[in-house]
């Protein structure tokens, strides 16, 4: 029900303005969601993303980024998770993006 991932960004993660691409934030959130929602599925069930929504709040100032995803509702067939992308600047957590993912539980063939 919870996952934290990190990424050491580099020049390949930047857009034309020199900021981290929004797609990098989204990929981090989606990956954290996948890890968190599938970590304990042991009965042949997998969770796939139905929707992902993200709000970009700020550009990164450092190269080390984090994303955390945690369950808000774990239903019989649908799940809902919230997530944050952040960095640490001068020892303080700085929020970069806020996101939500809805997933659907399917049985693996």
Protein backbone atom coordinates (compact mmCIF):
# COMPACT_ATOMS: atom_id res chain seq x y z
CA UNK A 1 0.00 0.00 0.00
CA UNK A 2 3.03 2.33 0.01
CA UNK A 3 6.15 2.90 -2.06
CA UNK A 4 8.92 5.47 -2.26
CA UNK A 5 11.15 5.74 -5.31
CA UNK A 6 13.98 8.09 -6.21
CA UNK A 7 15.70 9.34 -9.33
CA UNK A 8 19.04 11.03 -9.83
CA UNK A 9 18.21 13.37 -12.68
CA UNK A 10 20.59 14.43 -15.42
CA UNK A 11 20.69 16.34 -18.67
CA UNK A 12 18.57 13.69 -20.44
CA UNK A 13 15.67 14.53 -18.09
CA UNK A 14 15.52 18.24 -18.95
CA UNK A 15 13.25 20.15 -21.31
CA UNK A 16 14.24 23.01 -23.62
CA UNK A 17 14.12 25.48 -20.71
CA UNK A 18 16.50 23.40 -18.62
CA UNK A 19 13.82 22.16 -16.20
CA UNK A 20 12.95 18.54 -15.43
CA UNK A 21 10.38 17.29 -17.96
CA UNK A 22 6.87 16.86 -16.57
CA UNK A 23 6.88 13.34 -18.00
CA UNK A 24 9.68 12.46 -15.56
CA UNK A 25 7.47 13.41 -12.60
CA UNK A 26 4.58 11.44 -14.10
CA UNK A 27 6.73 8.35 -14.72
CA UNK A 28 7.99 8.45 -11.14
CA UNK A 29 4.42 8.67 -9.80
CA UNK A 30 3.20 5.87 -12.07
CA UNK A 31 6.11 3.61 -11.09
CA UNK A 32 5.61 4.28 -7.36
CA UNK A 33 1.91 3.48 -7.82
CA UNK A 34 2.75 0.22 -9.61
CA UNK A 35 5.13 -0.88 -6.86
CA UNK A 36 2.78 0.11 -4.03
CA UNK A 37 -0.37 -1.38 -5.53
CA UNK A 38 1.18 -4.67 -6.65
CA UNK A 39 3.53 -5.36 -3.75
CA UNK A 40 1.17 -7.63 -1.86
CA UNK A 41 -0.93 -9.15 -4.64
CA UNK A 42 -0.13 -12.85 -4.25
CA UNK A 43 -3.18 -14.55 -5.73
CA UNK A 44 -2.46 -13.96 -9.41
CA UNK A 45 -3.98 -10.48 -9.32
CA UNK A 46 -2.29 -7.44 -10.83
CA UNK A 47 -3.25 -3.77 -10.61
CA UNK A 48 -3.16 -1.73 -13.82
CA UNK A 49 -3.56 2.02 -14.13
CA UNK A 50 -6.97 3.24 -15.27
CA UNK A 51 -6.33 6.96 -14.78
CA UNK A 52 -3.47 9.11 -13.67
CA UNK A 53 -3.77 12.80 -12.90
CA UNK A 54 -0.94 15.11 -11.87
CA UNK A 55 -0.62 18.74 -10.84
CA UNK A 56 2.78 20.30 -11.49
CA UNK A 57 3.57 22.72 -8.71
CA UNK A 58 7.22 23.71 -9.07
CA UNK A 59 10.42 23.05 -10.99
CA UNK A 60 13.14 21.03 -9.33
CA UNK A 61 16.19 22.82 -7.94
CA UNK A 62 18.21 19.68 -7.25
CA UNK A 63 18.95 16.53 -9.22
CA UNK A 64 17.73 14.03 -6.59
CA UNK A 65 13.95 13.58 -6.78
CA UNK A 66 11.57 11.38 -4.78
CA UNK A 67 8.05 10.10 -5.37
CA UNK A 68 5.83 8.50 -2.76
CA UNK A 69 2.54 6.75 -3.42
CA UNK A 70 0.10 5.50 -0.79
CA UNK A 71 -3.26 3.78 -0.84
CA UNK A 72 -6.37 5.80 -0.06
CA UNK A 73 -8.88 3.07 -0.98
CA UNK A 74 -8.30 -0.60 -1.75
CA UNK A 75 -11.56 -1.98 -3.05
CA UNK A 76 -12.56 -5.35 -4.43
CA UNK A 77 -11.77 -4.39 -8.04
CA UNK A 78 -10.62 -0.75 -7.95
CA UNK A 79 -7.93 1.09 -6.01
CA UNK A 80 -7.18 4.76 -5.46
CA UNK A 81 -3.74 6.11 -4.54
CA UNK A 82 -2.35 9.57 -3.90
CA UNK A 83 1.24 10.56 -4.58
CA UNK A 84 3.76 13.37 -4.25
CA UNK A 85 6.96 14.22 -6.06
CA UNK A 86 9.43 16.22 -4.00
CA UNK A 87 13.04 17.13 -3.35
CA UNK A 88 14.98 18.34 -0.35
CA UNK A 89 16.37 21.88 -0.45
CA UNK A 90 18.40 23.06 2.54
CA UNK A 91 17.13 20.06 4.50
CA UNK A 92 13.46 20.87 3.89
CA UNK A 93 11.00 18.86 1.82
CA UNK A 94 9.92 20.87 -1.25
CA UNK A 95 6.78 19.68 -3.07
CA UNK A 96 7.08 19.54 -6.87
CA UNK A 97 3.93 17.70 -7.93
CA UNK A 98 0.80 16.14 -6.48
CA UNK A 99 -0.92 13.22 -8.18
CA UNK A 100 -3.68 10.62 -7.99
CA UNK A 101 -3.93 7.19 -9.61
CA UNK A 102 -6.92 4.93 -10.02
CA UNK A 103 -6.22 1.29 -10.76
CA UNK A 104 -8.14 -1.83 -11.67
CA UNK A 105 -7.41 -5.31 -10.32
CA UNK A 106 -7.20 -8.02 -12.97
CA UNK A 107 -6.36 -11.69 -12.73
CA UNK A 108 -3.20 -12.65 -14.60
CA UNK A 109 -3.78 -15.21 -17.36
